[in-house]
PDB file of N, CA and C in Angstrom:
ATOM      1  N   MET A   1      86.892  52.780  38.456  1.00  0.00           N
ATOM      2  CA  MET A   1      85.819  52.095  37.884  1.00  0.00           C
ATOM      3  C   MET A   1      86.249  50.465  37.695  1.00  0.00           C
ATOM      4  N   ALA A   2      85.483  49.638  37.791  1.00  0.00           N
ATOM      5  CA  ALA A   2      85.925  48.248  37.594  1.00  0.00           C
ATOM      6  C   ALA A   2      86.206  48.001  36.255  1.00  0.00           C
ATOM      7  N   LYS A   3      87.158  46.955  36.158  1.00  0.00           N
ATOM      8  CA  LYS A   3      87.696  46.530  34.997  1.00  0.00           C
ATOM      9  C   LYS A   3      86.436  45.570  34.363  1.00  0.00           C
ATOM     10  N   ARG A   4      85.574  45.026  35.099  1.00  0.00           N
ATOM     11  CA  ARG A   4      84.694  44.047  34.497  1.00  0.00           C
ATOM     12  C   ARG A   4      83.438  45.217  34.198  1.00  0.00           C
ATOM     13  N   ALA A   5      83.271  46.139  34.561  1.00  0.00           N
ATOM     14  CA  ALA A   5      82.413  47.187  34.098  1.00  0.00           C
ATOM     15  C   ALA A   5      82.778  47.680  32.675  1.00  0.00           C
ATOM     16  N   LYS A   6      84.110  47.869  32.479  1.00  0.00           N
ATOM     17  CA  LYS A   6      84.801  48.319  31.215  1.00  0.00           C
ATOM     18  C   LYS A   6      84.501  47.467  30.184  1.00  0.00           C
ATOM     19  N   LYS A   7      84.756  46.082  30.543  1.00  0.00           N
ATOM     20  CA  LYS A   7      84.634  45.039  29.420  1.00  0.00           C
ATOM     21  C   LYS A   7      83.107  44.864  28.853  1.00  0.00           C
ATOM     22  N   LYS A   8      82.279  45.235  29.881  1.00  0.00           N
ATOM     23  CA  LYS A   8      80.833  45.135  29.458  1.00  0.00           C
ATOM     24  C   LYS A   8      80.434  46.138  28.347  1.00  0.00           C
ATOM     25  N   SER A   9      81.225  47.270  28.446  1.00  0.00           N
ATOM     26  CA  SER A   9      80.802  48.389  27.519  1.00  0.00           C
ATOM     27  C   SER A   9      81.388  48.158  26.124  1.00  0.00           C
ATOM     28  N   GLN A  10      82.354  47.178  25.936  1.00  0.00           N
ATOM     29  CA  GLN A  10      82.708  46.825  24.848  1.00  0.00           C
ATOM     30  C   GLN A  10      81.558  46.526  23.704  1.00  0.00           C
ATOM     31  N   VAL A  11      81.512  47.206  22.642  1.00  0.00           N
ATOM     32  CA  VAL A  11      80.449  46.841  21.991  1.00  0.00           C
ATOM     33  C   VAL A  11      80.754  45.728  21.060  1.00  0.00           C
ATOM     34  N   GLN A  12      79.840  44.646  21.034  1.00  0.00           N
ATOM     35  CA  GLN A  12      80.082  43.600  20.246  1.00  0.00           C
ATOM     36  C   GLN A  12      78.713  43.076  19.617  1.00  0.00           C
ATOM     37  N   ALA A  13      78.640  42.644  18.461  1.00  0.00           N
ATOM     38  CA  ALA A  13      77.474  42.007  17.736  1.00  0.00           C
ATOM     39  C   ALA A  13      77.728  40.674  17.068  1.00  0.00           C
ATOM     40  N   GLN A  14      77.031  39.715  17.420  1.00  0.00           N
ATOM     41  CA  GLN A  14      77.091  38.543  16.796  1.00  0.00           C
ATOM     42  C   GLN A  14      76.555  38.600  15.385  1.00  0.00           C
ATOM     43  N   VAL A  15      77.492  38.175  14.473  1.00  0.00           N
ATOM     44  CA  VAL A  15      77.043  38.146  13.046  1.00  0.00           C
ATOM     45  C   VAL A  15      77.535  36.768  12.516  1.00  0.00           C
ATOM     46  N   GLY A  16      76.568  35.849  11.970  1.00  0.00           N
ATOM     47  CA  GLY A  16      77.072  34.667  11.439  1.00  0.00           C
ATOM     48  C   GLY A  16      78.199  33.929  12.309  1.00  0.00           C
ATOM     49  N   THR A  17      79.252  33.814  11.766  1.00  0.00           N
ATOM     50  CA  THR A  17      80.252  32.980  12.755  1.00  0.00           C
ATOM     51  C   THR A  17      81.174  34.021  13.391  1.00  0.00           C
ATOM     52  N   GLY A  18      81.038  35.343  13.120  1.00  0.00           N
ATOM     53  CA  GLY A  18      81.901  36.414  13.545  1.00  0.00           C
ATOM     54  C   GLY A  18      81.307  37.183  14.541  1.00  0.00           C
ATOM     55  N   THR A  19      81.945  38.007  15.064  1.00  0.00           N
ATOM     56  CA  THR A  19      81.451  39.174  15.948  1.00  0.00           C
ATOM     57  C   THR A  19      82.112  40.520  15.374  1.00  0.00           C
ATOM     58  N   GLY A  20      81.144  41.495  15.481  1.00  0.00           N
ATOM     59  CA  GLY A  20      81.433  42.883  15.281  1.00  0.00           C
ATOM     60  C   GLY A  20      81.988  43.506  16.544  1.00  0.00           C
ATOM     61  N   VAL A  21      82.953  44.381  16.418  1.00  0.00           N
ATOM     62  CA  VAL A  21      83.484  45.375  17.458  1.00  0.00           C
ATOM     63  C   VAL A  21      83.393  46.776  17.096  1.00  0.00           C
ATOM     64  N   ALA A  22      82.744  47.525  17.635  1.00  0.00           N
ATOM     65  CA  ALA A  22      82.672  49.088  17.308  1.00  0.00           C
ATOM     66  C   ALA A  22      84.166  49.429  17.371  1.00  0.00           C
ATOM     67  N   TRP A  23      84.558  50.182  16.404  1.00  0.00           N
ATOM     68  CA  TRP A  23      86.017  50.611  16.497  1.00  0.00           C
ATOM     69  C   TRP A  23      85.955  52.135  16.065  1.00  0.00           C
ATOM     70  N   TYR A  24      86.332  52.860  17.247  1.00  0.00           N
ATOM     71  CA  TYR A  24      86.473  54.334  17.248  1.00  0.00           C
ATOM     72  C   TYR A  24      87.627  54.828  16.940  1.00  0.00           C
ATOM     73  N   ALA A  25      87.689  55.951  16.217  1.00  0.00           N
ATOM     74  CA  ALA A  25      88.796  56.714  16.033  1.00  0.00           C
ATOM     75  C   ALA A  25      89.072  57.458  17.162  1.00  0.00           C
ATOM     76  N   SER A  26      90.446  58.024  17.266  1.00  0.00           N
ATOM     77  CA  SER A  26      90.532  58.744  18.473  1.00  0.00           C
ATOM     78  C   SER A  26      89.899  60.116  18.641  1.00  0.00           C
ATOM     79  N   ASP A  27      89.584  60.746  17.318  1.00  0.00           N
ATOM     80  CA  ASP A  27      89.043  61.932  17.420  1.00  0.00           C
ATOM     81  C   ASP A  27      87.355  61.767  17.659  1.00  0.00           C
ATOM     82  N   GLN A  28      87.025  60.567  17.630  1.00  0.00           N
ATOM     83  CA  GLN A  28      85.557  60.522  17.859  1.00  0.00           C
ATOM     84  C   GLN A  28      85.247  60.088  19.359  1.00  0.00           C
ATOM     85  N   TRP A  29      86.222  59.681  20.193  1.00  0.00           N
ATOM     86  CA  TRP A  29      86.291  59.369  21.471  1.00  0.00           C
ATOM     87  C   TRP A  29      85.343  60.493  22.445  1.00  0.00           C
ATOM     88  N   PRO A  30      85.843  61.919  22.313  1.00  0.00           N
ATOM     89  CA  PRO A  30      85.288  62.784  23.123  1.00  0.00           C
ATOM     90  C   PRO A  30      83.627  62.740  22.921  1.00  0.00           C
ATOM     91  N   ARG A  31      83.207  62.719  21.333  1.00  0.00           N
ATOM     92  CA  ARG A  31      81.808  62.698  21.145  1.00  0.00           C
ATOM     93  C   ARG A  31      81.243  61.552  21.848  1.00  0.00           C
ATOM     94  N   LEU A  32      81.818  60.392  21.771  1.00  0.00           N
ATOM     95  CA  LEU A  32      81.480  59.276  22.440  1.00  0.00           C
ATOM     96  C   LEU A  32      80.909  59.479  23.779  1.00  0.00           C
ATOM     97  N   LEU A  33      81.807  59.952  24.526  1.00  0.00           N
ATOM     98  CA  LEU A  33      81.762  60.247  25.939  1.00  0.00           C
ATOM     99  C   LEU A  33      80.718  61.216  26.174  1.00  0.00           C
ATOM    100  N   GLU A  34      80.503  62.157  25.357  1.00  0.00           N
ATOM    101  CA  GLU A  34      79.616  63.493  25.616  1.00  0.00           C
ATOM    102  C   GLU A  34      78.107  62.621  25.278  1.00  0.00           C
ATOM    103  N   LEU A  35      77.858  61.865  24.326  1.00  0.00           N
ATOM    104  CA  LEU A  35      76.608  61.508  24.021  1.00  0.00           C
ATOM    105  C   LEU A  35      76.015  60.273  24.732  1.00  0.00           C
ATOM    106  N   SER A  36      76.868  59.427  25.205  1.00  0.00           N
ATOM    107  CA  SER A  36      76.604  58.066  25.658  1.00  0.00           C
ATOM    108  C   SER A  36      75.869  58.129  27.261  1.00  0.00           C
ATOM    109  N   GLU A  37      74.584  57.342  27.135  1.00  0.00           N
ATOM    110  CA  GLU A  37      74.005  57.459  28.455  1.00  0.00           C
ATOM    111  C   GLU A  37      74.735  56.718  29.488  1.00  0.00           C
ATOM    112  N   ASP A  38      75.476  55.638  29.036  1.00  0.00           N
ATOM    113  CA  ASP A  38      76.347  54.828  29.855  1.00  0.00           C
ATOM    114  C   ASP A  38      77.853  55.395  29.964  1.00  0.00           C
ATOM    115  N   ARG A  39      77.844  56.649  29.885  1.00  0.00           N
ATOM    116  CA  ARG A  39      79.321  57.232  29.969  1.00  0.00           C
ATOM    117  C   ARG A  39      80.164  56.610  31.050  1.00  0.00           C
ATOM    118  N   ASN A  40      79.446  56.465  32.334  1.00  0.00           N
ATOM    119  CA  ASN A  40      80.204  55.965  33.418  1.00  0.00           C
ATOM    120  C   ASN A  40      80.948  54.425  33.216  1.00  0.00           C
ATOM    121  N   LEU A  41      80.355  53.773  32.235  1.00  0.00           N
ATOM    122  CA  LEU A  41      81.018  52.673  31.972  1.00  0.00           C
ATOM    123  C   LEU A  41      82.235  52.493  30.905  1.00  0.00           C
ATOM    124  N   LEU A  42      82.337  53.758  30.297  1.00  0.00           N
ATOM    125  CA  LEU A  42      83.466  53.697  29.260  1.00  0.00           C
ATOM    126  C   LEU A  42      84.806  54.202  29.784  1.00  0.00           C
ATOM    127  N   HIS A  43      85.756  53.888  29.205  1.00  0.00           N
ATOM    128  CA  HIS A  43      87.069  54.281  29.369  1.00  0.00           C
ATOM    129  C   HIS A  43      87.216  55.882  29.269  1.00  0.00           C
ATOM    130  N   GLU A  44      87.988  56.340  30.191  1.00  0.00           N
ATOM    131  CA  GLU A  44      88.223  57.793  30.162  1.00  0.00           C
ATOM    132  C   GLU A  44      88.746  58.307  28.797  1.00  0.00           C
ATOM    133  N   THR A  45      89.658  57.608  28.430  1.00  0.00           N
ATOM    134  CA  THR A  45      90.558  58.080  27.175  1.00  0.00           C
ATOM    135  C   THR A  45      90.536  57.149  26.147  1.00  0.00           C
ATOM    136  N   HIS A  46      90.681  57.432  24.930  1.00  0.00           N
ATOM    137  CA  HIS A  46      90.789  56.417  23.693  1.00  0.00           C
ATOM    138  C   HIS A  46      91.820  55.512  23.881  1.00  0.00           C
ATOM    139  N   ALA A  47      92.855  55.925  24.337  1.00  0.00           N
ATOM    140  CA  ALA A  47      94.129  55.006  24.611  1.00  0.00           C
ATOM    141  C   ALA A  47      93.658  53.900  25.436  1.00  0.00           C
ATOM    142  N   GLN A  48      93.111  54.150  26.662  1.00  0.00           N
ATOM    143  CA  GLN A  48      92.832  53.173  27.489  1.00  0.00           C
ATOM    144  C   GLN A  48      91.814  52.178  26.811  1.00  0.00           C
ATOM    145  N   TRP A  49      90.872  52.803  26.117  1.00  0.00           N
ATOM    146  CA  TRP A  49      89.852  51.939  25.471  1.00  0.00           C
ATOM    147  C   TRP A  49      90.538  51.038  24.283  1.00  0.00           C
ATOM    148  N   LEU A  50      91.480  51.430  23.475  1.00  0.00           N
ATOM    149  CA  LEU A  50      92.148  50.820  22.534  1.00  0.00           C
ATOM    150  C   LEU A  50      92.990  49.795  23.029  1.00  0.00           C
ATOM    151  N   VAL A  51      93.581  49.702  24.330  1.00  0.00           N
ATOM    152  CA  VAL A  51      94.426  48.905  24.784  1.00  0.00           C
ATOM    153  C   VAL A  51      93.440  47.524  24.977  1.00  0.00           C
ATOM    154  N   ASP A  52      92.133  47.898  25.762  1.00  0.00           N
ATOM    155  CA  ASP A  52      91.112  46.609  25.808  1.00  0.00           C
ATOM    156  C   ASP A  52      90.583  46.110  24.466  1.00  0.00           C
ATOM    157  N   ALA A  53      90.518  46.950  23.824  1.00  0.00           N
ATOM    158  CA  ALA A  53      89.671  46.559  22.484  1.00  0.00           C
ATOM    159  C   ALA A  53      90.481  45.649  21.764  1.00  0.00           C
ATOM    160  N   GLU A  54      91.959  45.979  21.649  1.00  0.00           N
ATOM    161  CA  GLU A  54      92.960  45.098  21.005  1.00  0.00           C
ATOM    162  C   GLU A  54      93.056  43.663  21.673  1.00  0.00           C
ATOM    163  N   LYS A  55      92.843  43.883  23.134  1.00  0.00           N
ATOM    164  CA  LYS A  55      93.008  42.461  23.731  1.00  0.00           C
ATOM    165  C   LYS A  55      91.543  41.899  23.465  1.00  0.00           C
ATOM    166  N   LEU A  56      90.539  42.513  23.326  1.00  0.00           N
ATOM    167  CA  LEU A  56      89.246  41.747  23.065  1.00  0.00           C
ATOM    168  C   LEU A  56      89.476  41.079  21.859  1.00  0.00           C
ATOM    169  N   VAL A  57      89.797  41.737  20.557  1.00  0.00           N
ATOM    170  CA  VAL A  57      90.133  41.154  19.457  1.00  0.00           C
ATOM    171  C   VAL A  57      90.987  39.920  19.335  1.00  0.00           C
ATOM    172  N   SER A  58      92.118  39.954  20.045  1.00  0.00           N
ATOM    173  CA  SER A  58      93.001  38.981  20.163  1.00  0.00           C
ATOM    174  C   SER A  58      92.307  37.782  20.940  1.00  0.00           C
ATOM    175  N   GLN A  59      91.703  38.212  21.991  1.00  0.00           N
ATOM    176  CA  GLN A  59      90.953  36.929  22.901  1.00  0.00           C
ATOM    177  C   GLN A  59      89.994  36.144  21.876  1.00  0.00           C
ATOM    178  N   LEU A  60      89.349  36.977  21.001  1.00  0.00           N
ATOM    179  CA  LEU A  60      88.288  36.392  20.040  1.00  0.00           C
ATOM    180  C   LEU A  60      89.030  35.661  19.029  1.00  0.00           C
ATOM    181  N   ALA A  61      89.945  35.921  18.567  1.00  0.00           N
ATOM    182  CA  ALA A  61      90.796  35.160  17.665  1.00  0.00           C
ATOM    183  C   ALA A  61      91.373  34.005  18.029  1.00  0.00           C
ATOM    184  N   SER A  62      91.844  34.278  19.378  1.00  0.00           N
ATOM    185  CA  SER A  62      92.302  32.880  19.963  1.00  0.00           C
ATOM    186  C   SER A  62      91.223  31.809  20.246  1.00  0.00           C
ATOM    187  N   GLN A  63      90.067  32.201  20.334  1.00  0.00           N
ATOM    188  CA  GLN A  63      88.870  31.369  20.420  1.00  0.00           C
ATOM    189  C   GLN A  63      88.215  30.736  19.076  1.00  0.00           C
ATOM    190  N   GLY A  64      88.813  31.304  17.952  1.00  0.00           N
ATOM    191  CA  GLY A  64      88.551  31.072  16.570  1.00  0.00           C
ATOM    192  C   GLY A  64      87.269  31.960  16.034  1.00  0.00           C
ATOM    193  N   VAL A  65      87.078  32.981  16.911  1.00  0.00           N
ATOM    194  CA  VAL A  65      85.907  33.660  16.423  1.00  0.00           C
ATOM    195  C   VAL A  65      86.523  35.191  15.520  1.00  0.00           C
ATOM    196  N   VAL A  66      85.939  35.246  14.351  1.00  0.00           N
ATOM    197  CA  VAL A  66      86.562  36.333  13.297  1.00  0.00           C
ATOM    198  C   VAL A  66      85.783  37.638  14.343  1.00  0.00           C
ATOM    199  N   ALA A  67      86.598  38.366  14.546  1.00  0.00           N
ATOM    200  CA  ALA A  67      86.295  39.828  15.037  1.00  0.00           C
ATOM    201  C   ALA A  67      86.361  40.900  13.865  1.00  0.00           C
ATOM    202  N   ARG A  68      85.318  41.564  13.643  1.00  0.00           N
ATOM    203  CA  ARG A  68      85.312  42.396  12.650  1.00  0.00           C
ATOM    204  C   ARG A  68      85.200  43.775  13.222  1.00  0.00           C
ATOM    205  N   ARG A  69      86.204  44.764  12.794  1.00  0.00           N
ATOM    206  CA  ARG A  69      86.180  46.117  13.248  1.00  0.00           C
ATOM    207  C   ARG A  69      85.267  46.853  12.477  1.00  0.00           C
ATOM    208  N   VAL A  70      84.319  47.497  13.259  1.00  0.00           N
ATOM    209  CA  VAL A  70      83.420  48.202  12.674  1.00  0.00           C
ATOM    210  C   VAL A  70      83.729  49.734  12.899  1.00  0.00           C
ATOM    211  N   PRO A  71      84.109  50.535  11.877  1.00  0.00           N
ATOM    212  CA  PRO A  71      84.371  51.803  12.113  1.00  0.00           C
ATOM    213  C   PRO A  71      83.311  52.653  12.223  1.00  0.00           C
ATOM    214  N   VAL A  72      83.280  53.400  13.546  1.00  0.00           N
ATOM    215  CA  VAL A  72      82.023  54.114  13.805  1.00  0.00           C
ATOM    216  C   VAL A  72      82.381  55.603  13.598  1.00  0.00           C
ATOM    217  N   ASP A  73      81.144  56.314  13.111  1.00  0.00           N
ATOM    218  CA  ASP A  73      81.041  57.848  13.274  1.00  0.00           C
ATOM    219  C   ASP A  73      79.955  57.876  14.463  1.00  0.00           C
ATOM    220  N   VAL A  74      80.274  58.500  15.339  1.00  0.00           N
ATOM    221  CA  VAL A  74      79.640  58.488  16.795  1.00  0.00           C
ATOM    222  C   VAL A  74      78.293  59.247  16.420  1.00  0.00           C
ATOM    223  N   ASP A  75      78.284  60.375  15.690  1.00  0.00           N
ATOM    224  CA  ASP A  75      76.949  61.050  15.450  1.00  0.00           C
ATOM    225  C   ASP A  75      76.039  60.280  14.563  1.00  0.00           C
ATOM    226  N   ALA A  76      76.587  59.483  13.514  1.00  0.00           N
ATOM    227  CA  ALA A  76      75.779  58.698  12.643  1.00  0.00           C
ATOM    228  C   ALA A  76      75.159  57.602  13.599  1.00  0.00           C
ATOM    229  N   MET A  77      75.999  56.849  14.523  1.00  0.00           N
ATOM    230  CA  MET A  77      75.611  55.869  15.335  1.00  0.00           C
ATOM    231  C   MET A  77      74.585  56.284  16.204  1.00  0.00           C
ATOM    232  N   CYS A  78      74.658  57.371  16.798  1.00  0.00           N
ATOM    233  CA  CYS A  78      73.693  58.072  17.803  1.00  0.00           C
ATOM    234  C   CYS A  78      72.437  58.439  16.875  1.00  0.00           C
ATOM    235  N   ASP A  79      72.337  59.027  15.708  1.00  0.00           N
ATOM    236  CA  ASP A  79      71.354  59.355  14.892  1.00  0.00           C
ATOM    237  C   ASP A  79      70.358  57.897  14.568  1.00  0.00           C
ATOM    238  N   TRP A  80      71.131  56.861  14.240  1.00  0.00           N
ATOM    239  CA  TRP A  80      70.602  55.643  13.981  1.00  0.00           C
ATOM    240  C   TRP A  80      69.854  55.257  15.180  1.00  0.00           C
ATOM    241  N   CYS A  81      70.426  55.299  16.375  1.00  0.00           N
ATOM    242  CA  CYS A  81      69.719  54.763  17.500  1.00  0.00           C
ATOM    243  C   CYS A  81      68.466  55.468  17.960  1.00  0.00           C
ATOM    244  N   ARG A  82      68.536  56.814  17.704  1.00  0.00           N
ATOM    245  CA  ARG A  82      67.461  57.589  17.843  1.00  0.00           C
ATOM    246  C   ARG A  82      66.132  57.298  17.017  1.00  0.00           C
ATOM    247  N   ALA A  83      66.636  57.047  15.662  1.00  0.00           N
ATOM    248  CA  ALA A  83      65.725  56.660  14.464  1.00  0.00           C
ATOM    249  C   ALA A  83      65.083  55.417  15.075  1.00  0.00           C
ATOM    250  N   GLN A  84      65.735  54.427  15.689  1.00  0.00           N
ATOM    251  CA  GLN A  84      65.245  53.180  16.046  1.00  0.00           C
ATOM    252  C   GLN A  84      64.580  53.104  17.330  1.00  0.00           C
ATOM    253  N   ASN A  85      64.649  54.289  17.972  1.00  0.00           N
ATOM    254  CA  ASN A  85      63.908  54.404  19.427  1.00  0.00           C
ATOM    255  C   ASN A  85      64.685  53.636  20.350  1.00  0.00           C
ATOM    256  N   LEU A  86      66.178  53.461  20.105  1.00  0.00           N
ATOM    257  CA  LEU A  86      67.042  52.952  20.983  1.00  0.00           C
ATOM    258  C   LEU A  86      67.983  53.764  21.935  1.00  0.00           C
ATOM    259  N   PRO A  87      68.066  53.586  23.152  1.00  0.00           N
ATOM    260  CA  PRO A  87      69.028  54.281  23.987  1.00  0.00           C
ATOM    261  C   PRO A  87      70.508  54.426  23.419  1.00  0.00           C
ATOM    262  N   PHE A  88      71.238  55.514  23.473  1.00  0.00           N
ATOM    263  CA  PHE A  88      72.562  55.426  23.143  1.00  0.00           C
ATOM    264  C   PHE A  88      73.356  55.045  24.256  1.00  0.00           C
ATOM    265  N   ASN A  89      73.521  53.603  24.305  1.00  0.00           N
ATOM    266  CA  ASN A  89      74.248  53.096  25.517  1.00  0.00           C
ATOM    267  C   ASN A  89      74.879  51.774  24.675  1.00  0.00           C
ATOM    268  N   SER A  90      75.158  50.907  25.669  1.00  0.00           N
ATOM    269  CA  SER A  90      76.076  49.538  24.995  1.00  0.00           C
ATOM    270  C   SER A  90      74.907  48.689  24.351  1.00  0.00           C
ATOM    271  N   ALA A  91      73.794  48.580  24.924  1.00  0.00           N
ATOM    272  CA  ALA A  91      72.814  47.999  23.953  1.00  0.00           C
ATOM    273  C   ALA A  91      72.547  48.306  22.554  1.00  0.00           C
ATOM    274  N   GLY A  92      72.253  49.660  22.711  1.00  0.00           N
ATOM    275  CA  GLY A  92      71.942  50.381  21.405  1.00  0.00           C
ATOM    276  C   GLY A  92      73.085  50.455  20.311  1.00  0.00           C
ATOM    277  N   ARG A  93      74.106  50.773  20.930  1.00  0.00           N
ATOM    278  CA  ARG A  93      75.345  50.520  20.221  1.00  0.00           C
ATOM    279  C   ARG A  93      75.519  49.203  19.413  1.00  0.00           C
ATOM    280  N   SER A  94      75.504  48.230  20.256  1.00  0.00           N
ATOM    281  CA  SER A  94      75.567  46.773  19.876  1.00  0.00           C
ATOM    282  C   SER A  94      74.620  46.496  18.625  1.00  0.00           C
ATOM    283  N   LYS A  95      73.456  46.989  18.891  1.00  0.00           N
ATOM    284  CA  LYS A  95      72.238  46.838  17.676  1.00  0.00           C
ATOM    285  C   LYS A  95      72.899  47.626  16.535  1.00  0.00           C
ATOM    286  N   PHE A  96      73.377  48.629  16.642  1.00  0.00           N
ATOM    287  CA  PHE A  96      73.984  49.464  15.467  1.00  0.00           C
ATOM    288  C   PHE A  96      74.984  48.706  14.795  1.00  0.00           C
ATOM    289  N   VAL A  97      75.985  48.079  15.545  1.00  0.00           N
ATOM    290  CA  VAL A  97      77.167  47.246  14.949  1.00  0.00           C
ATOM    291  C   VAL A  97      76.542  46.074  14.290  1.00  0.00           C
ATOM    292  N   THR A  98      75.559  45.434  14.628  1.00  0.00           N
ATOM    293  CA  THR A  98      74.843  44.298  14.110  1.00  0.00           C
ATOM    294  C   THR A  98      74.303  44.892  12.705  1.00  0.00           C
ATOM    295  N   TRP A  99      73.419  45.798  12.850  1.00  0.00           N
ATOM    296  CA  TRP A  99      72.715  46.377  11.697  1.00  0.00           C
ATOM    297  C   TRP A  99      73.812  46.693  10.617  1.00  0.00           C
ATOM    298  N   TRP A 100      74.931  47.266  11.018  1.00  0.00           N
ATOM    299  CA  TRP A 100      76.011  47.733   9.919  1.00  0.00           C
ATOM    300  C   TRP A 100      76.595  46.666   9.479  1.00  0.00           C
ATOM    301  N   LEU A 101      76.833  45.585  10.109  1.00  0.00           N
ATOM    302  CA  LEU A 101      77.496  44.302   9.475  1.00  0.00           C
ATOM    303  C   LEU A 101      76.606  43.476   8.681  1.00  0.00           C
ATOM    304  N   ASN A 102      75.366  43.536   9.073  1.00  0.00           N
ATOM    305  CA  ASN A 102      74.319  42.802   8.093  1.00  0.00           C
ATOM    306  C   ASN A 102      74.028  43.435   6.971  1.00  0.00           C
ATOM    307  N   ARG A 103      74.258  44.877   6.753  1.00  0.00           N
ATOM    308  CA  ARG A 103      74.202  45.421   5.352  1.00  0.00           C
ATOM    309  C   ARG A 103      75.588  45.392   4.468  1.00  0.00           C
ATOM    310  N   LYS A 104      76.407  44.818   5.041  1.00  0.00           N
ATOM    311  CA  LYS A 104      77.824  44.883   4.247  1.00  0.00           C
ATOM    312  C   LYS A 104      78.136  43.540   3.707  1.00  0.00           C
ATOM    313  N   PRO A 105      78.569  43.349   2.601  1.00  0.00           N
ATOM    314  CA  PRO A 105      78.886  42.150   1.882  1.00  0.00           C
ATOM    315  C   PRO A 105      80.109  41.674   2.276  1.00  0.00           C
ATOM    316  N   TRP A 106      80.197  40.869   3.390  1.00  0.00           N
ATOM    317  CA  TRP A 106      81.492  40.262   3.946  1.00  0.00           C
ATOM    318  C   TRP A 106      81.842  39.039   3.153  1.00  0.00           C
ATOM    319  N   GLU A 107      83.212  38.892   3.227  1.00  0.00           N
ATOM    320  CA  GLU A 107      83.578  37.567   2.302  1.00  0.00           C
ATOM    321  C   GLU A 107      84.026  36.611   3.371  1.00  0.00           C
TER     322      GLU A 107
END
């Protein structure tokens, strides 16, 4: 799988002057792979994803963008996408992150 495709699968959502990044716990990774419609674009392991996710957060910080890690419960995210009639793919997950951030009182 091309590295470019993997980067596209990183879930980011623009919120104010910052960006949200879906943040998955290692025990959530198998469920994400199981449910995702775009599974072929995701990393095979959580460890592989984490390396790229940390790089993304660092890259955004170097550009002056605040990256907020959004802790994700995959089943809750999937349920939300279904309730919104959204596919459970990168686009749907990104909309979830935006929704989640917009309901939180960030300082």
